[in-house]
Structure formats: C-alpha cells, structure tokens
Amino acid sequence: MHNQIDTSFQTLQNDLFSSGMAAKIGMNAFGLWSAIKNYSNYNTGECWPGMRQLADLTGLSMGTVQKCIKILLEGHLLRIVTGGAGVRANRYVARERLDVRVGNRLLCTIVMDYVPARMRDKVALIEGDVRQGRLTGPSFTECEIIPGPGFAWDMETGSLKASVSHEEIQQSEVDKVCAIPSSVHLVAH
C-alpha cells in the first residue's frame, strides 16, 4: 500500500440496538451484516462477495457465515438477489429496520434496502410521514411494513388494526412520542 488512507465510513441505525435486534441476531450475524453493508454499491445497495470472502472478512467459518445469512434473512436484515441472465452469483442487499412505537407499544417495523446514496433522504421522508400520522405514500415505496405484535395489516383500507387496552397506551405517552398514525386503528377495550 503506497501512501493511501481509507476515509470511508458507514453509519448504524440506533434502532438496531434500542429495539434489541442486535442482541437477537447475535454478534456474528451483526458482523456479517456490517461487512455486507461495507461492500454495498453506493447507488444500488447490491454487493457480491462470495461466502469464502465473507468468511475471510469476518473471521467466521463458512458454516457460520451460512447460518448468519439465514439469521439475517429471517430478521429482515438481508435480501438476496439471485443471478439473472449472464450473472453467475447471488448478490446481497443489506436492509435497515425502523421500529414505530407509541410508548412501549410496537406498532410496526419499517424495513428498507440499504442504498447508501438514498438512505439519509429516505429515512427523513419516512420519519416525517410517521410524525404526520401516515404509514402509506411515496416515502414507503420499496419498503416492507411488518405489523407489531397484536396488529394486522388491513389490505382493504391500507392500515394497521389492533385491539389495545387503554392502560397499554396512555395519552401522555402518545403526546411525548408522536401522533398515532392515521393509518393505525386502535380499538380500546
């Protein structure tokens, strides 16, 4: 290496830790996810390291890399793009998760592809829509919305629905965090 320095960096979403997802997937899968993010194409988010390269990058065995890929897929933190015409290998796309909460109640998790060129703007648009009470619209294109425990996605109305006790969500907590999105219908019992 002749007079070179790598000044690139990547960021982590705090929600990965505050939601407990980092602990749930474990540090091996977290390290693999970070390595995949490190090799993501700036404009597409895709990367194509092979299993052996991922093992070398992380110090994990090939078997552990395969287990971690399965964990990341199950946790909605990775997407695999299978090879098409003229493409021999699978490509990986790391994904980011954002929990939407009112107090301690998880309404839903928003999952999006990690595309470095668009992440900051995409997250800002989603945050703005959630604070305005919207869980649908242009900022949610190319996003997956996973309903929280006890919630279901109503395809007909495009909304989350659940039955929640009034003790579970106090108005003071709602006021502190954000407005309940208009696309969430809570029925108190």
N, C-alpha and C. Protein backbone atom coordinates (compact mmCIF):
# COMPACT_ATOMS: atom_id res chain seq x y z
N MET A 1 0.85 -1.16 0.00
CA MET A 1 0.00 0.00 0.00
C MET A 1 0.90 1.23 0.00
N HIS A 2 0.76 2.11 -0.98
CA HIS A 2 1.61 3.27 -1.12
C HIS A 2 0.84 4.55 -0.85
N ASN A 3 1.11 5.19 0.30
CA ASN A 3 0.53 6.48 0.65
C ASN A 3 -0.98 6.55 0.42
N GLN A 4 -1.69 5.58 0.93
CA GLN A 4 -3.15 5.57 0.81
C GLN A 4 -3.78 5.53 2.19
N ILE A 5 -4.95 6.10 2.28
CA ILE A 5 -5.72 6.04 3.52
C ILE A 5 -7.19 5.90 3.13
N ASP A 6 -7.88 5.00 3.79
CA ASP A 6 -9.31 4.79 3.52
C ASP A 6 -10.10 5.67 4.48
N THR A 7 -10.75 6.69 3.95
CA THR A 7 -11.52 7.63 4.78
C THR A 7 -13.02 7.37 4.71
N SER A 8 -13.42 6.25 4.13
CA SER A 8 -14.84 5.94 4.04
C SER A 8 -15.33 5.39 5.38
N PHE A 9 -16.63 5.53 5.62
CA PHE A 9 -17.22 5.02 6.85
C PHE A 9 -18.66 4.66 6.58
N GLN A 10 -19.27 3.94 7.51
CA GLN A 10 -20.68 3.63 7.42
C GLN A 10 -21.33 3.96 8.75
N THR A 11 -22.63 4.17 8.71
CA THR A 11 -23.35 4.50 9.93
C THR A 11 -24.24 3.33 10.33
N LEU A 12 -24.64 3.33 11.58
CA LEU A 12 -25.56 2.32 12.09
C LEU A 12 -26.80 3.01 12.61
N GLN A 13 -27.93 2.41 12.37
CA GLN A 13 -29.19 2.93 12.89
C GLN A 13 -29.26 2.57 14.37
N ASN A 14 -29.46 3.55 15.25
CA ASN A 14 -29.54 3.30 16.69
C ASN A 14 -30.61 2.29 17.03
N ASP A 15 -31.68 2.26 16.23
CA ASP A 15 -32.81 1.37 16.49
C ASP A 15 -32.39 -0.10 16.53
N LEU A 16 -31.32 -0.43 15.83
CA LEU A 16 -30.85 -1.81 15.83
C LEU A 16 -30.51 -2.26 17.25
N PHE A 17 -30.01 -1.34 18.06
CA PHE A 17 -29.67 -1.65 19.44
C PHE A 17 -30.84 -1.41 20.38
N SER A 18 -31.52 -0.28 20.24
CA SER A 18 -32.60 0.04 21.17
C SER A 18 -33.77 -0.93 21.04
N SER A 19 -33.96 -1.51 19.86
CA SER A 19 -35.03 -2.48 19.66
C SER A 19 -34.65 -3.88 20.15
N GLY A 20 -33.37 -4.09 20.42
CA GLY A 20 -32.90 -5.41 20.83
C GLY A 20 -32.55 -6.32 19.67
N MET A 21 -32.65 -5.83 18.44
CA MET A 21 -32.39 -6.67 17.28
C MET A 21 -30.93 -7.12 17.23
N ALA A 22 -29.98 -6.26 17.59
CA ALA A 22 -28.56 -6.66 17.56
C ALA A 22 -28.32 -7.85 18.49
N ALA A 23 -28.91 -7.80 19.68
CA ALA A 23 -28.76 -8.91 20.62
C ALA A 23 -29.47 -10.16 20.11
N LYS A 24 -30.62 -9.97 19.47
CA LYS A 24 -31.39 -11.11 18.97
C LYS A 24 -30.64 -11.87 17.87
N ILE A 25 -30.02 -11.14 16.95
CA ILE A 25 -29.32 -11.83 15.86
C ILE A 25 -27.93 -12.29 16.27
N GLY A 26 -27.35 -11.68 17.30
CA GLY A 26 -26.02 -12.06 17.77
C GLY A 26 -24.91 -11.31 17.04
N MET A 27 -23.77 -11.30 17.66
CA MET A 27 -22.65 -10.52 17.12
C MET A 27 -22.05 -11.11 15.84
N ASN A 28 -22.12 -12.42 15.65
CA ASN A 28 -21.62 -12.99 14.39
C ASN A 28 -22.44 -12.49 13.21
N ALA A 29 -23.77 -12.55 13.34
CA ALA A 29 -24.64 -12.08 12.25
C ALA A 29 -24.52 -10.57 12.10
N PHE A 30 -24.37 -9.85 13.22
CA PHE A 30 -24.20 -8.41 13.16
C PHE A 30 -22.91 -8.05 12.41
N GLY A 31 -21.83 -8.77 12.69
CA GLY A 31 -20.56 -8.53 11.99
C GLY A 31 -20.67 -8.83 10.50
N LEU A 32 -21.37 -9.91 10.16
CA LEU A 32 -21.56 -10.25 8.75
C LEU A 32 -22.40 -9.18 8.05
N TRP A 33 -23.46 -8.73 8.72
CA TRP A 33 -24.32 -7.67 8.17
C TRP A 33 -23.50 -6.41 7.92
N SER A 34 -22.63 -6.06 8.86
CA SER A 34 -21.78 -4.88 8.71
C SER A 34 -20.82 -5.04 7.55
N ALA A 35 -20.27 -6.24 7.37
CA ALA A 35 -19.35 -6.48 6.24
C ALA A 35 -20.09 -6.35 4.91
N ILE A 36 -21.31 -6.87 4.85
CA ILE A 36 -22.10 -6.75 3.62
C ILE A 36 -22.40 -5.29 3.34
N LYS A 37 -22.78 -4.54 4.37
CA LYS A 37 -23.02 -3.10 4.19
C LYS A 37 -21.77 -2.39 3.69
N ASN A 38 -20.61 -2.80 4.20
CA ASN A 38 -19.35 -2.19 3.81
C ASN A 38 -19.07 -2.33 2.32
N TYR A 39 -19.53 -3.42 1.72
CA TYR A 39 -19.27 -3.67 0.30
C TYR A 39 -20.46 -3.28 -0.59
N SER A 40 -21.46 -2.63 -0.02
CA SER A 40 -22.65 -2.25 -0.80
C SER A 40 -22.31 -1.21 -1.86
N ASN A 41 -22.84 -1.41 -3.05
CA ASN A 41 -22.71 -0.41 -4.11
C ASN A 41 -23.44 0.85 -3.67
N TYR A 42 -22.81 2.00 -3.82
CA TYR A 42 -23.35 3.27 -3.34
C TYR A 42 -24.72 3.58 -3.93
N ASN A 43 -24.93 3.26 -5.21
CA ASN A 43 -26.18 3.63 -5.89
C ASN A 43 -27.24 2.54 -5.89
N THR A 44 -26.85 1.28 -5.77
CA THR A 44 -27.83 0.19 -5.84
C THR A 44 -28.00 -0.57 -4.52
N GLY A 45 -27.00 -0.49 -3.65
CA GLY A 45 -27.04 -1.24 -2.41
C GLY A 45 -26.60 -2.69 -2.56
N GLU A 46 -26.47 -3.16 -3.78
CA GLU A 46 -26.09 -4.56 -4.00
C GLU A 46 -24.59 -4.76 -3.76
N CYS A 47 -24.24 -5.93 -3.28
CA CYS A 47 -22.83 -6.32 -3.18
C CYS A 47 -22.74 -7.80 -3.50
N TRP A 48 -21.59 -8.25 -3.88
CA TRP A 48 -21.47 -9.62 -4.36
C TRP A 48 -20.23 -10.35 -3.86
N PRO A 49 -19.90 -10.23 -2.57
CA PRO A 49 -18.81 -11.06 -2.08
C PRO A 49 -19.29 -12.51 -1.98
N GLY A 50 -18.41 -13.43 -2.27
CA GLY A 50 -18.75 -14.84 -2.12
C GLY A 50 -18.68 -15.26 -0.66
N MET A 51 -19.15 -16.46 -0.37
CA MET A 51 -19.13 -16.98 1.00
C MET A 51 -17.71 -17.00 1.56
N ARG A 52 -16.76 -17.43 0.75
CA ARG A 52 -15.37 -17.51 1.22
C ARG A 52 -14.84 -16.12 1.57
N GLN A 53 -15.15 -15.13 0.73
CA GLN A 53 -14.70 -13.77 1.01
C GLN A 53 -15.36 -13.23 2.28
N LEU A 54 -16.65 -13.51 2.47
CA LEU A 54 -17.33 -13.08 3.69
C LEU A 54 -16.70 -13.74 4.92
N ALA A 55 -16.35 -15.02 4.80
CA ALA A 55 -15.69 -15.72 5.90
C ALA A 55 -14.34 -15.08 6.20
N ASP A 56 -13.56 -14.77 5.17
CA ASP A 56 -12.26 -14.13 5.36
C ASP A 56 -12.39 -12.75 5.98
N LEU A 57 -13.38 -11.98 5.54
CA LEU A 57 -13.57 -10.62 6.04
C LEU A 57 -13.95 -10.58 7.51
N THR A 58 -14.72 -11.58 7.95
CA THR A 58 -15.27 -11.56 9.31
C THR A 58 -14.56 -12.50 10.28
N GLY A 59 -13.72 -13.39 9.76
CA GLY A 59 -13.06 -14.38 10.62
C GLY A 59 -13.98 -15.51 11.04
N LEU A 60 -15.12 -15.62 10.36
CA LEU A 60 -16.09 -16.68 10.66
C LEU A 60 -15.84 -17.87 9.74
N SER A 61 -16.26 -19.06 10.20
CA SER A 61 -16.18 -20.24 9.34
C SER A 61 -17.25 -20.15 8.26
N MET A 62 -17.10 -20.92 7.21
CA MET A 62 -18.10 -20.94 6.13
C MET A 62 -19.46 -21.36 6.68
N GLY A 63 -19.48 -22.35 7.56
CA GLY A 63 -20.74 -22.81 8.15
C GLY A 63 -21.41 -21.71 8.96
N THR A 64 -20.63 -20.95 9.71
CA THR A 64 -21.18 -19.85 10.50
C THR A 64 -21.69 -18.74 9.59
N VAL A 65 -20.98 -18.47 8.49
CA VAL A 65 -21.45 -17.47 7.53
C VAL A 65 -22.82 -17.88 6.98
N GLN A 66 -22.97 -19.14 6.63
CA GLN A 66 -24.26 -19.63 6.10
C GLN A 66 -25.36 -19.50 7.15
N LYS A 67 -25.07 -19.84 8.40
CA LYS A 67 -26.06 -19.69 9.48
C LYS A 67 -26.43 -18.22 9.67
N CYS A 68 -25.44 -17.35 9.62
CA CYS A 68 -25.68 -15.91 9.81
C CYS A 68 -26.52 -15.34 8.68
N ILE A 69 -26.29 -15.80 7.46
CA ILE A 69 -27.10 -15.33 6.33
C ILE A 69 -28.56 -15.72 6.57
N LYS A 70 -28.78 -16.94 7.05
CA LYS A 70 -30.15 -17.38 7.35
C LYS A 70 -30.77 -16.50 8.45
N ILE A 71 -30.01 -16.20 9.49
CA ILE A 71 -30.49 -15.35 10.58
C ILE A 71 -30.84 -13.96 10.06
N LEU A 72 -29.99 -13.40 9.21
CA LEU A 72 -30.23 -12.06 8.65
C LEU A 72 -31.46 -12.04 7.75
N LEU A 73 -31.65 -13.10 6.97
CA LEU A 73 -32.85 -13.20 6.13
C LEU A 73 -34.10 -13.25 6.99
N GLU A 74 -34.09 -14.10 8.03
CA GLU A 74 -35.24 -14.23 8.93
C GLU A 74 -35.52 -12.94 9.68
N GLY A 75 -34.48 -12.16 9.98
CA GLY A 75 -34.63 -10.91 10.70
C GLY A 75 -34.93 -9.72 9.80
N HIS A 76 -35.13 -10.00 8.51
CA HIS A 76 -35.41 -8.94 7.53
C HIS A 76 -34.27 -7.92 7.46
N LEU A 77 -33.04 -8.37 7.67
CA LEU A 77 -31.87 -7.50 7.58
C LEU A 77 -31.04 -7.77 6.34
N LEU A 78 -31.50 -8.68 5.50
CA LEU A 78 -30.77 -9.04 4.29
C LEU A 78 -31.76 -9.51 3.24
N ARG A 79 -31.44 -9.18 2.01
CA ARG A 79 -32.23 -9.65 0.87
C ARG A 79 -31.23 -10.21 -0.13
N ILE A 80 -31.58 -11.32 -0.75
CA ILE A 80 -30.71 -11.92 -1.76
C ILE A 80 -31.34 -11.72 -3.13
N VAL A 81 -30.54 -11.20 -4.04
CA VAL A 81 -30.95 -11.03 -5.44
C VAL A 81 -30.27 -12.17 -6.19
N THR A 82 -31.08 -13.09 -6.72
CA THR A 82 -30.50 -14.24 -7.40
C THR A 82 -29.98 -13.84 -8.78
N GLY A 83 -28.97 -14.56 -9.23
CA GLY A 83 -28.35 -14.26 -10.52
C GLY A 83 -29.35 -14.37 -11.66
N GLY A 84 -29.28 -13.44 -12.57
CA GLY A 84 -30.14 -13.44 -13.75
C GLY A 84 -29.33 -13.84 -14.97
N ALA A 85 -29.82 -13.46 -16.13
CA ALA A 85 -29.13 -13.79 -17.38
C ALA A 85 -27.73 -13.18 -17.35
N GLY A 86 -26.73 -14.04 -17.54
CA GLY A 86 -25.35 -13.58 -17.59
C GLY A 86 -24.74 -13.28 -16.23
N VAL A 87 -25.50 -13.47 -15.15
CA VAL A 87 -24.98 -13.23 -13.80
C VAL A 87 -24.90 -14.57 -13.09
N ARG A 88 -23.68 -14.94 -12.66
CA ARG A 88 -23.49 -16.26 -12.07
C ARG A 88 -23.79 -16.33 -10.58
N ALA A 89 -23.53 -15.28 -9.86
CA ALA A 89 -23.60 -15.35 -8.40
C ALA A 89 -24.78 -14.56 -7.84
N ASN A 90 -25.16 -14.93 -6.63
CA ASN A 90 -26.15 -14.15 -5.90
C ASN A 90 -25.54 -12.82 -5.49
N ARG A 91 -26.39 -11.83 -5.34
CA ARG A 91 -25.97 -10.54 -4.82
C ARG A 91 -26.76 -10.30 -3.54
N TYR A 92 -26.15 -9.60 -2.61
CA TYR A 92 -26.77 -9.33 -1.32
C TYR A 92 -27.15 -7.86 -1.23
N VAL A 93 -28.25 -7.58 -0.54
CA VAL A 93 -28.63 -6.21 -0.22
C VAL A 93 -28.93 -6.19 1.29
N ALA A 94 -28.11 -5.43 2.03
CA ALA A 94 -28.37 -5.26 3.46
C ALA A 94 -29.65 -4.44 3.60
N ARG A 95 -30.36 -4.64 4.69
CA ARG A 95 -31.60 -3.91 4.92
C ARG A 95 -31.55 -3.24 6.28
N GLU A 96 -32.27 -2.15 6.41
CA GLU A 96 -32.37 -1.41 7.67
C GLU A 96 -33.80 -1.57 8.21
N ARG A 97 -33.92 -1.60 9.52
CA ARG A 97 -35.22 -1.73 10.19
C ARG A 97 -35.45 -0.52 11.08
N LEU A 98 -36.66 0.01 11.03
CA LEU A 98 -37.05 1.12 11.90
C LEU A 98 -38.32 0.73 12.64
N ASP A 99 -38.26 0.68 13.95
CA ASP A 99 -39.46 0.38 14.74
C ASP A 99 -40.27 1.65 14.94
N VAL A 100 -41.59 1.56 14.78
CA VAL A 100 -42.51 2.66 15.05
C VAL A 100 -43.23 2.29 16.34
N ARG A 101 -43.04 3.11 17.36
CA ARG A 101 -43.58 2.83 18.69
C ARG A 101 -44.42 3.99 19.20
N VAL A 102 -45.38 3.67 20.01
CA VAL A 102 -46.10 4.64 20.83
C VAL A 102 -45.91 4.14 22.25
N GLY A 103 -45.18 4.90 23.06
CA GLY A 103 -44.81 4.41 24.38
C GLY A 103 -43.97 3.17 24.19
N ASN A 104 -44.34 2.10 24.88
CA ASN A 104 -43.63 0.84 24.73
C ASN A 104 -44.27 -0.09 23.70
N ARG A 105 -45.35 0.36 23.11
CA ARG A 105 -46.11 -0.48 22.17
C ARG A 105 -45.50 -0.39 20.76
N LEU A 106 -45.08 -1.53 20.21
CA LEU A 106 -44.56 -1.58 18.86
C LEU A 106 -45.72 -1.64 17.89
N LEU A 107 -45.90 -0.56 17.09
CA LEU A 107 -46.97 -0.54 16.09
C LEU A 107 -46.56 -1.37 14.88
N CYS A 108 -45.36 -1.09 14.37
CA CYS A 108 -44.89 -1.82 13.20
C CYS A 108 -43.39 -1.60 13.05
N THR A 109 -42.79 -2.37 12.17
CA THR A 109 -41.40 -2.20 11.80
C THR A 109 -41.36 -1.91 10.31
N ILE A 110 -40.64 -0.85 9.95
CA ILE A 110 -40.47 -0.49 8.54
C ILE A 110 -39.10 -0.99 8.11
N VAL A 111 -39.07 -1.77 7.03
CA VAL A 111 -37.82 -2.35 6.55
C VAL A 111 -37.56 -1.80 5.15
N MET A 112 -36.32 -1.35 4.93
CA MET A 112 -35.95 -0.83 3.62
C MET A 112 -34.55 -1.29 3.25
N ASP A 113 -34.29 -1.35 1.94
CA ASP A 113 -32.96 -1.71 1.46
C ASP A 113 -31.96 -0.63 1.85
N TYR A 114 -30.74 -1.06 2.20
CA TYR A 114 -29.65 -0.13 2.49
C TYR A 114 -29.02 0.27 1.16
N VAL A 115 -29.36 1.48 0.70
CA VAL A 115 -28.76 2.05 -0.51
C VAL A 115 -28.10 3.35 -0.06
N PRO A 116 -26.77 3.33 0.12
CA PRO A 116 -26.09 4.49 0.70
C PRO A 116 -26.46 5.84 0.08
N ALA A 117 -26.62 5.90 -1.22
CA ALA A 117 -26.91 7.17 -1.89
C ALA A 117 -28.25 7.76 -1.47
N ARG A 118 -29.18 6.91 -1.01
CA ARG A 118 -30.54 7.39 -0.72
C ARG A 118 -30.95 7.26 0.74
N MET A 119 -30.13 6.67 1.60
CA MET A 119 -30.57 6.35 2.96
C MET A 119 -30.98 7.57 3.77
N ARG A 120 -30.15 8.59 3.81
CA ARG A 120 -30.44 9.74 4.65
C ARG A 120 -31.77 10.39 4.24
N ASP A 121 -31.97 10.60 2.94
CA ASP A 121 -33.21 11.22 2.46
C ASP A 121 -34.41 10.30 2.69
N LYS A 122 -34.24 9.00 2.45
CA LYS A 122 -35.33 8.05 2.61
C LYS A 122 -35.81 8.01 4.07
N VAL A 123 -34.86 7.93 4.99
CA VAL A 123 -35.21 7.87 6.41
C VAL A 123 -35.88 9.18 6.84
N ALA A 124 -35.40 10.31 6.36
CA ALA A 124 -36.01 11.60 6.71
C ALA A 124 -37.46 11.69 6.20
N LEU A 125 -37.71 11.20 4.99
CA LEU A 125 -39.07 11.20 4.46
C LEU A 125 -40.00 10.31 5.28
N ILE A 126 -39.51 9.12 5.60
CA ILE A 126 -40.31 8.18 6.41
C ILE A 126 -40.59 8.78 7.78
N GLU A 127 -39.58 9.34 8.41
CA GLU A 127 -39.77 9.95 9.73
C GLU A 127 -40.82 11.07 9.68
N GLY A 128 -40.74 11.89 8.65
CA GLY A 128 -41.72 12.97 8.50
C GLY A 128 -43.13 12.45 8.34
N ASP A 129 -43.29 11.41 7.51
CA ASP A 129 -44.62 10.83 7.30
C ASP A 129 -45.16 10.19 8.58
N VAL A 130 -44.33 9.47 9.32
CA VAL A 130 -44.78 8.83 10.56
C VAL A 130 -45.18 9.90 11.57
N ARG A 131 -44.41 10.96 11.68
CA ARG A 131 -44.75 12.04 12.63
C ARG A 131 -46.05 12.75 12.22
N GLN A 132 -46.38 12.71 10.93
CA GLN A 132 -47.63 13.31 10.45
C GLN A 132 -48.79 12.31 10.50
N GLY A 133 -48.50 11.08 10.95
CA GLY A 133 -49.55 10.09 11.10
C GLY A 133 -49.84 9.30 9.84
N ARG A 134 -48.88 9.21 8.92
CA ARG A 134 -49.09 8.47 7.68
C ARG A 134 -48.16 7.26 7.62
N LEU A 135 -48.70 6.11 7.29
CA LEU A 135 -47.89 4.91 7.06
C LEU A 135 -48.02 4.44 5.61
N THR A 136 -48.48 5.29 4.75
CA THR A 136 -48.57 4.98 3.32
C THR A 136 -48.09 6.21 2.56
N GLY A 137 -47.82 6.05 1.29
CA GLY A 137 -47.40 7.18 0.47
C GLY A 137 -46.06 6.92 -0.19
N PRO A 138 -45.57 7.91 -0.92
CA PRO A 138 -44.35 7.74 -1.71
C PRO A 138 -43.11 7.38 -0.90
N SER A 139 -43.02 7.87 0.35
CA SER A 139 -41.83 7.56 1.14
C SER A 139 -41.74 6.08 1.48
N PHE A 140 -42.89 5.37 1.37
CA PHE A 140 -42.91 3.95 1.72
C PHE A 140 -42.77 3.03 0.52
N THR A 141 -42.54 3.59 -0.67
CA THR A 141 -42.29 2.71 -1.81
C THR A 141 -40.99 1.97 -1.55
N GLU A 142 -40.93 0.75 -1.95
CA GLU A 142 -39.78 -0.12 -1.74
C GLU A 142 -39.51 -0.37 -0.25
N CYS A 143 -40.55 -0.30 0.57
CA CYS A 143 -40.43 -0.62 2.00
C CYS A 143 -41.36 -1.79 2.31
N GLU A 144 -41.00 -2.51 3.31
CA GLU A 144 -41.85 -3.58 3.83
C GLU A 144 -42.32 -3.13 5.20
N ILE A 145 -43.60 -3.24 5.47
CA ILE A 145 -44.14 -2.88 6.79
C ILE A 145 -44.56 -4.17 7.48
N ILE A 146 -43.92 -4.44 8.62
CA ILE A 146 -44.20 -5.64 9.40
C ILE A 146 -45.03 -5.22 10.61
N PRO A 147 -46.27 -5.68 10.71
CA PRO A 147 -47.12 -5.30 11.86
C PRO A 147 -46.51 -5.76 13.17
N GLY A 148 -46.65 -4.93 14.22
CA GLY A 148 -46.19 -5.29 15.55
C GLY A 148 -47.08 -6.36 16.15
N PRO A 149 -46.70 -6.91 17.30
CA PRO A 149 -47.50 -7.95 17.96
C PRO A 149 -48.93 -7.47 18.21
N GLY A 150 -49.89 -8.27 17.82
CA GLY A 150 -51.30 -7.94 18.01
C GLY A 150 -51.89 -7.07 16.92
N PHE A 151 -51.08 -6.63 15.97
CA PHE A 151 -51.56 -5.81 14.86
C PHE A 151 -51.67 -6.66 13.60
N ALA A 152 -52.52 -6.24 12.71
CA ALA A 152 -52.65 -6.90 11.40
C ALA A 152 -52.78 -5.81 10.35
N TRP A 153 -52.26 -6.09 9.17
CA TRP A 153 -52.35 -5.13 8.06
C TRP A 153 -53.66 -5.39 7.33
N ASP A 154 -54.50 -4.38 7.22
CA ASP A 154 -55.76 -4.49 6.51
C ASP A 154 -55.52 -4.02 5.07
N MET A 155 -55.51 -4.96 4.13
CA MET A 155 -55.22 -4.65 2.73
C MET A 155 -56.29 -3.74 2.13
N GLU A 156 -57.52 -3.91 2.56
CA GLU A 156 -58.62 -3.12 2.00
C GLU A 156 -58.48 -1.63 2.33
N THR A 157 -58.11 -1.33 3.58
CA THR A 157 -58.01 0.07 4.00
C THR A 157 -56.57 0.59 3.99
N GLY A 158 -55.60 -0.32 3.80
CA GLY A 158 -54.20 0.11 3.85
C GLY A 158 -53.80 0.61 5.21
N SER A 159 -54.25 -0.11 6.26
CA SER A 159 -53.97 0.36 7.61
C SER A 159 -53.65 -0.81 8.54
N LEU A 160 -53.00 -0.48 9.66
CA LEU A 160 -52.77 -1.45 10.72
C LEU A 160 -53.98 -1.42 11.65
N LYS A 161 -54.39 -2.58 12.13
CA LYS A 161 -55.52 -2.64 13.05
C LYS A 161 -55.15 -3.53 14.23
N ALA A 162 -55.65 -3.12 15.42
CA ALA A 162 -55.41 -3.90 16.63
C ALA A 162 -56.42 -3.51 17.69
N SER A 163 -56.57 -4.38 18.66
CA SER A 163 -57.37 -4.09 19.84
C SER A 163 -56.38 -3.91 20.99
N VAL A 164 -56.43 -2.75 21.64
CA VAL A 164 -55.46 -2.41 22.67
C VAL A 164 -56.19 -1.90 23.91
N SER A 165 -55.75 -2.34 25.09
CA SER A 165 -56.36 -1.84 26.31
C SER A 165 -55.91 -0.40 26.54
N HIS A 166 -56.77 0.41 27.14
CA HIS A 166 -56.43 1.81 27.36
C HIS A 166 -55.25 1.96 28.33
N GLU A 167 -55.04 0.98 29.20
CA GLU A 167 -53.88 1.03 30.10
C GLU A 167 -52.58 0.88 29.34
N GLU A 168 -52.65 0.19 28.21
CA GLU A 168 -51.43 -0.10 27.46
C GLU A 168 -50.83 1.13 26.81
N ILE A 169 -51.66 2.03 26.35
CA ILE A 169 -51.17 3.26 25.71
C ILE A 169 -51.83 4.44 26.38
N GLN A 170 -51.09 5.12 27.20
CA GLN A 170 -51.59 6.31 27.89
C GLN A 170 -51.43 7.52 26.97
N GLN A 171 -52.36 8.45 26.99
CA GLN A 171 -52.31 9.63 26.12
C GLN A 171 -51.03 10.43 26.34
N SER A 172 -50.54 10.51 27.59
CA SER A 172 -49.32 11.27 27.85
C SER A 172 -48.14 10.67 27.09
N GLU A 173 -48.08 9.32 26.99
CA GLU A 173 -47.02 8.68 26.23
C GLU A 173 -47.16 9.00 24.75
N VAL A 174 -48.37 8.99 24.25
CA VAL A 174 -48.61 9.29 22.84
C VAL A 174 -48.14 10.71 22.54
N ASP A 175 -48.48 11.66 23.41
CA ASP A 175 -48.09 13.05 23.20
C ASP A 175 -46.58 13.22 23.21
N LYS A 176 -45.88 12.45 24.04
CA LYS A 176 -44.43 12.57 24.12
C LYS A 176 -43.75 12.04 22.85
N VAL A 177 -44.27 10.96 22.30
CA VAL A 177 -43.59 10.29 21.20
C VAL A 177 -44.00 10.87 19.86
N CYS A 178 -45.24 10.74 19.50
CA CYS A 178 -45.75 11.26 18.22
C CYS A 178 -47.24 10.98 18.17
N ALA A 179 -47.87 11.50 17.17
CA ALA A 179 -49.29 11.21 16.97
C ALA A 179 -49.42 9.77 16.50
N ILE A 180 -50.50 9.11 16.88
CA ILE A 180 -50.73 7.79 16.33
C ILE A 180 -51.05 7.97 14.86
N PRO A 181 -50.31 7.27 13.99
CA PRO A 181 -50.56 7.43 12.56
C PRO A 181 -52.03 7.19 12.21
N SER A 182 -52.56 7.99 11.30
CA SER A 182 -53.96 7.86 10.91
C SER A 182 -54.23 6.51 10.25
N SER A 183 -53.18 5.85 9.77
CA SER A 183 -53.38 4.56 9.16
C SER A 183 -53.33 3.43 10.19
N VAL A 184 -53.33 3.78 11.48
CA VAL A 184 -53.40 2.79 12.57
C VAL A 184 -54.73 2.98 13.27
N HIS A 185 -55.50 1.91 13.38
CA HIS A 185 -56.80 1.96 14.02
C HIS A 185 -56.74 1.15 15.30
N LEU A 186 -56.81 1.83 16.45
CA LEU A 186 -56.79 1.16 17.73
C LEU A 186 -58.20 1.13 18.28
N VAL A 187 -58.60 -0.03 18.78
CA VAL A 187 -59.90 -0.15 19.41
C VAL A 187 -59.66 -0.45 20.88
N ALA A 188 -60.01 0.49 21.76
CA ALA A 188 -59.79 0.30 23.19
C ALA A 188 -60.81 -0.68 23.75
N HIS A 189 -60.37 -1.49 24.69
CA HIS A 189 -61.29 -2.40 25.35
C HIS A 189 -61.07 -2.38 26.83
